Amino acid sequence: MTVNAVKAFQKSIKIPVTGVADKNTINLLIKASAVPKASNGKTENQQNTSQVFTFKKGTPGSLSGKIVVIDPGHGFNDPGVTRENVYEKTMTLDMGLRLKRILTEAGAMVIMTRATDGNSGYNSLYYRSAVANKLIVDLEREKLEKENAEFEKQMSNFQNLLISKGAELEKLNSEDREINKQKIDDLTKEIAELTESSDELKEKIDLNKTRIEDLYNMSLTFNYYIEQPSYKERYGIMKNPLEMAKVFELTKEKYNKDIVFVSIHCNSTTAETQTSASGVQVYVQTENDTYYTDYYNNYDYERRKILGMSLLQELNLSTGFSKKYTSLFKSRLSVLRENNLPSVLVEIGFFNNPSDLKIIKDQQQRENASFGMYKGIEKYFEYWKK
């Protein structure tokens, strides 16, 4: 503290102005600097801190190698539920983007069915499923293409060896065959084995090429919905039960251990205002339902239920809704039915419950809900490590 500052302070509290920070001056300065407390016993600084927004963080590396498809419900010219100039589509996108940020921090790859909004256009239910199914066929196609690239390298090595061994055999045959008989026999056998291995490898390459072409055509059909998200009818592979069943089986066999699908919504009842319905509801596919699924009955219900319960439990912990559901709801919803990933639909709060809507409108509460979904997803993947 400068001499002038000390003089100014001494003058302001009407004590002798000396410019010297003696013991009496210092004690008075400390007293004057004390943080006042409010009537609730908290300092003004503490009260402000309690209202500061807190970003939730994902644990780095906890979801490395995992993929999460996030489906923010409604969107564009479909607002979903509306109350007090608040749109469901806005809240679901907000929570979806928050969840994406947290999951990315944890190392997960995130696919959004939408990351923007607007007043025109529409994302159909088939579009949302197409995003998930296209992801599967594209991952498998990329895997087979990489596999074929390795096979081609091996094939090239086989061909070079066959040329080299063939030249060596020709040389031995041109010399004294009796002296070289054992070498010729060994080399002939080695060439036969190389030829057999080369032929087997070629069969694998050709089989993969056929599969890659099939997957590419499947991807084109799903891409039709990606490019025309408002298209509401079954098209291409979506009209072919046998082909869709192949995608579902591929999903279950190879990809449902590391990928999940989460559709985010907010709820409402038919009443204008009410107070009894509250909280988070989580929906999974109805088991053994034949509605639109007579062509397929091999969904992985167990993984869906475990994902659903993990999300429900963590959302109950992270949100402040008055009601806490403890069991899952089952439904024949399209976004759950038209893919075979572990899939759930989450309804976060009721728009026509004033208390719930207040929570939904609060950005900290939406951050908390997004963190709850992250913890549920993390808990789900941890379960399968046991």
Foldseek 3Di string as FASTA:
>chain_A
DFLVVLQVQCVVVVDDRDSDCDPVSVVVVVVVPDFDADPVRHGPVVVVVVPDFDFDAADAQLQAPFEEEEEQPKAAQGQDDDDPNDTFSVLSLLLSVSLVRRVVNNRYHYHYLDNDHYHDATFALLLLLLSVLLVLLVVVLVVLVVVLVVLVVVLVVLVVVLVVLVVVLVVCVVPPCVVCVVVNVVSVVVSVVSVVVSVVSVVSNVVSVVSSVVSVVSSVLSVVCVVRRRDHDQDDVSVPLVSLQVSQVSCVVPNQLRYEYEYETAAADPDQADADDWFKAKEAADAPDCVVAVSDRDAPVVLLQLLRQLLLVLLVVQADMPDRDRHHHYDHDSNRPSHRHSYMYMHGIYCRYVVRVVLSVDSSSSSSSSVSNVRSVSVSSVVVVD
